[in-house]
């Protein structure tokens, strides 16, 4: 009688033994949470907890609208309005964006970002420019009173004959009441000219 071991060739026997030992080693590793296989699979770190908010749909935010003819301010030396040599500086609004987060009471808190440039004119001696931006949250429908309206002051330091300086405003204090449909209207607001 030929033994079962002799019936299998030497090469096949080595393959069977290698597979068996590997399977046994992996089974031992998989049973222990601290095993090599467990560390390889988890990357050596504990599982990462992911907040359900990560997959929540975005909170709708009001549309942003630049008020017509308010994207530009030109400031002149007193008595030299519209004289190119009397220009102190000019400022523009170029970019805007917003995001909203839901509050526990159903309202939405808005994070508003605005930016633009300030360029010195021939009459500018250097110093600080304060740009007035009005932000109004207006409910839907015509003739409705604003929910809120505020002038924000943006200081910008501008040297004489310097290249344009970029200004940026990020404001998080605006709230849209629960259930309100609204839009955000913004732009430079110099008030009444003297």
Protein backbone atom coordinates (compact mmCIF):
# COMPACT_ATOMS: atom_id res chain seq x y z
CA UNK A 1 0.00 0.00 0.00
CA UNK A 2 1.37 3.33 -1.01
CA UNK A 3 1.03 5.98 1.63
CA UNK A 4 -0.94 9.14 0.84
CA UNK A 5 2.16 11.24 1.36
CA UNK A 6 4.11 9.34 -1.31
CA UNK A 7 1.17 9.67 -3.75
CA UNK A 8 1.47 13.47 -3.70
CA UNK A 9 4.53 14.89 -5.39
CA UNK A 10 7.08 16.83 -3.33
CA UNK A 11 6.27 20.14 -5.02
CA UNK A 12 2.53 19.78 -4.46
CA UNK A 13 3.13 18.80 -0.84
CA UNK A 14 5.15 21.96 -0.21
CA UNK A 15 2.35 24.10 -1.72
CA UNK A 16 -0.31 22.42 0.44
CA UNK A 17 1.78 22.89 3.58
CA UNK A 18 2.49 26.57 2.78
CA UNK A 19 -1.21 27.31 2.19
CA UNK A 20 -2.19 25.48 5.37
CA UNK A 21 0.36 27.31 7.51
CA UNK A 22 -0.64 30.69 6.02
CA UNK A 23 -4.32 30.00 6.70
CA UNK A 24 -3.55 28.99 10.27
CA UNK A 25 -1.43 32.11 10.83
CA UNK A 26 -4.11 34.41 9.40
CA UNK A 27 -6.81 32.71 11.48
CA UNK A 28 -4.72 33.33 14.58
CA UNK A 29 -4.15 36.97 13.61
CA UNK A 30 -7.78 37.61 12.79
CA UNK A 31 -8.95 36.26 16.14
CA UNK A 32 -6.87 38.79 18.04
CA UNK A 33 -7.93 42.42 17.69
CA UNK A 34 -4.34 43.51 18.25
CA UNK A 35 -2.99 41.06 15.68
CA UNK A 36 -0.90 41.98 12.66
CA UNK A 37 -3.81 41.48 10.24
CA UNK A 38 -6.04 43.71 12.37
CA UNK A 39 -3.44 46.49 12.36
CA UNK A 40 -2.91 46.20 8.62
CA UNK A 41 -6.64 46.35 7.90
CA UNK A 42 -7.29 49.32 10.23
CA UNK A 43 -4.11 51.14 9.22
CA UNK A 44 -2.83 50.88 12.78
CA UNK A 45 -5.41 53.40 14.03
CA UNK A 46 -8.66 53.18 15.91
CA UNK A 47 -11.85 53.44 13.83
CA UNK A 48 -12.75 57.02 12.85
CA UNK A 49 -16.15 58.28 13.93
CA UNK A 50 -17.93 60.31 11.26
CA UNK A 51 -20.60 62.83 12.20
CA UNK A 52 -24.00 62.34 10.51
CA UNK A 53 -23.85 66.08 9.66
CA UNK A 54 -21.14 65.24 7.12
CA UNK A 55 -23.75 63.63 4.87
CA UNK A 56 -26.60 66.03 5.66
CA UNK A 57 -27.89 68.13 2.74
CA UNK A 58 -26.64 71.74 2.67
CA UNK A 59 -28.71 74.35 4.47
CA UNK A 60 -30.30 76.68 1.88
CA UNK A 61 -28.91 80.21 1.99
CA UNK A 62 -30.50 83.44 0.72
CA UNK A 63 -29.46 84.67 -2.70
CA UNK A 64 -26.88 87.47 -2.76
CA UNK A 65 -27.57 90.58 -4.83
CA UNK A 66 -25.21 93.50 -5.38
CA UNK A 67 -27.28 96.70 -5.27
CA UNK A 68 -27.08 98.43 -8.64
CA UNK A 69 -24.47 101.19 -8.91
CA UNK A 70 -22.91 100.38 -5.52
CA UNK A 71 -19.92 98.29 -6.61
CA UNK A 72 -17.59 101.34 -6.85
CA UNK A 73 -16.57 104.24 -4.59
CA UNK A 74 -14.43 107.13 -5.78
CA UNK A 75 -13.22 109.59 -3.16
CA UNK A 76 -11.87 113.01 -4.24
CA UNK A 77 -10.15 115.93 -2.57
CA UNK A 78 -12.85 118.39 -1.44
CA UNK A 79 -13.80 120.71 -4.29
CA UNK A 80 -12.11 118.55 -6.97
CA UNK A 81 -14.90 116.06 -7.65
CA UNK A 82 -14.48 114.30 -11.01
CA UNK A 83 -10.98 115.83 -11.47
CA UNK A 84 -8.62 112.87 -12.15
CA UNK A 85 -5.77 114.69 -10.34
CA UNK A 86 -7.99 115.15 -7.28
CA UNK A 87 -8.74 111.41 -6.92
CA UNK A 88 -7.74 110.11 -3.49
CA UNK A 89 -8.71 106.46 -4.01
CA UNK A 90 -11.26 104.20 -5.59
CA UNK A 91 -12.61 100.92 -4.21
CA UNK A 92 -14.57 98.09 -5.81
CA UNK A 93 -16.59 95.06 -4.74
CA UNK A 94 -15.53 92.04 -6.80
CA UNK A 95 -16.44 88.75 -5.11
CA UNK A 96 -19.07 87.50 -2.69
CA UNK A 97 -20.28 84.21 -1.21
CA UNK A 98 -22.32 82.89 1.70
CA UNK A 99 -23.03 79.68 3.59
CA UNK A 100 -25.68 78.95 6.20
CA UNK A 101 -25.99 76.67 9.21
CA UNK A 102 -29.24 75.52 10.81
CA UNK A 103 -29.82 76.72 14.36
CA UNK A 104 -31.77 74.74 17.02
CA UNK A 105 -34.67 77.24 16.90
CA UNK A 106 -35.10 76.76 13.11
CA UNK A 107 -33.38 79.99 12.11
CA UNK A 108 -30.34 80.01 9.82
CA UNK A 109 -27.05 81.71 10.70
CA UNK A 110 -25.34 83.13 7.64
CA UNK A 111 -21.60 83.45 7.09
CA UNK A 112 -21.09 86.21 4.52
CA UNK A 113 -17.87 86.88 2.63
CA UNK A 114 -17.20 89.97 0.51
CA UNK A 115 -13.97 91.16 -1.11
CA UNK A 116 -12.62 93.72 -3.55
CA UNK A 117 -9.77 96.13 -4.24
CA UNK A 118 -8.74 99.64 -3.21
CA UNK A 119 -6.46 101.64 -5.53
CA UNK A 120 -4.75 104.90 -4.59
CA UNK A 121 -5.16 107.98 -6.78
CA UNK A 122 -2.73 110.80 -7.61
CA UNK A 123 -3.85 112.88 -4.60
CA UNK A 124 -3.52 110.09 -2.01
CA UNK A 125 -0.77 110.68 0.58
CA UNK A 126 -1.09 107.30 2.29
CA UNK A 127 -3.04 106.18 5.33
CA UNK A 128 -6.16 104.25 6.22
CA UNK A 129 -9.30 104.02 4.11
CA UNK A 130 -12.58 103.02 5.79
CA UNK A 131 -15.01 101.43 3.36
CA UNK A 132 -18.73 101.47 4.27
CA UNK A 133 -20.66 98.39 3.08
CA UNK A 134 -24.40 98.10 3.69
CA UNK A 135 -25.82 94.59 4.11
CA UNK A 136 -29.60 94.24 4.19
CA UNK A 137 -31.63 91.05 4.58
CA UNK A 138 -34.88 91.61 2.71
CA UNK A 139 -37.88 89.23 2.79
CA UNK A 140 -39.48 88.04 -0.45
CA UNK A 141 -42.18 90.15 -2.02
CA UNK A 142 -42.16 93.75 -3.16
CA UNK A 143 -42.26 96.65 -0.72
CA UNK A 144 -41.33 94.53 2.29
CA UNK A 145 -39.30 96.15 5.06
CA UNK A 146 -35.80 94.71 5.61
CA UNK A 147 -35.45 92.12 8.37
CA UNK A 148 -32.13 93.78 9.16
CA UNK A 149 -29.93 96.45 7.58
CA UNK A 150 -26.50 97.44 8.79
CA UNK A 151 -23.46 99.38 7.59
CA UNK A 152 -20.21 97.51 8.17
CA UNK A 153 -16.91 99.45 8.23
CA UNK A 154 -13.87 97.86 6.58
CA UNK A 155 -10.49 99.50 7.34
CA UNK A 156 -7.78 99.19 4.67
CA UNK A 157 -4.25 100.61 4.92
CA UNK A 158 -3.14 102.06 1.59
CA UNK A 159 0.26 103.61 0.86
CA UNK A 160 0.80 106.57 -1.49
CA UNK A 161 1.39 105.42 -5.08
CA UNK A 162 1.03 101.80 -3.92
CA UNK A 163 -0.50 99.04 -6.03
CA UNK A 164 -4.05 97.95 -5.33
CA UNK A 165 -4.78 96.47 -1.91
CA UNK A 166 -7.30 93.66 -1.55
CA UNK A 167 -9.90 94.00 1.19
CA UNK A 168 -11.92 91.14 2.66
CA UNK A 169 -14.89 91.02 5.00
CA UNK A 170 -16.15 87.83 6.66
CA UNK A 171 -19.16 88.35 8.90
CA UNK A 172 -21.16 85.71 10.79
CA UNK A 173 -23.66 87.79 12.76
CA UNK A 174 -26.61 87.74 10.35
CA UNK A 175 -29.58 85.47 11.09
CA UNK A 176 -32.52 84.59 8.86
CA UNK A 177 -35.67 83.83 10.89
CA UNK A 178 -37.18 80.34 10.74
CA UNK A 179 -39.33 79.82 7.65
CA UNK A 180 -38.44 83.21 6.12
CA UNK A 181 -37.72 83.50 2.41
CA UNK A 182 -35.21 86.30 1.99
CA UNK A 183 -32.40 87.70 -0.13
CA UNK A 184 -29.28 89.60 0.89
CA UNK A 185 -28.69 92.97 -0.80
CA UNK A 186 -25.30 94.61 -0.33
CA UNK A 187 -23.06 97.36 -1.69
CA UNK A 188 -21.09 100.46 -0.80
CA UNK A 189 -23.11 103.07 1.07
CA UNK A 190 -21.48 106.48 1.57
CA UNK A 191 -24.60 108.05 3.02
CA UNK A 192 -25.49 111.61 2.07
CA UNK A 193 -22.77 113.56 0.33
CA UNK A 194 -21.89 116.91 1.92
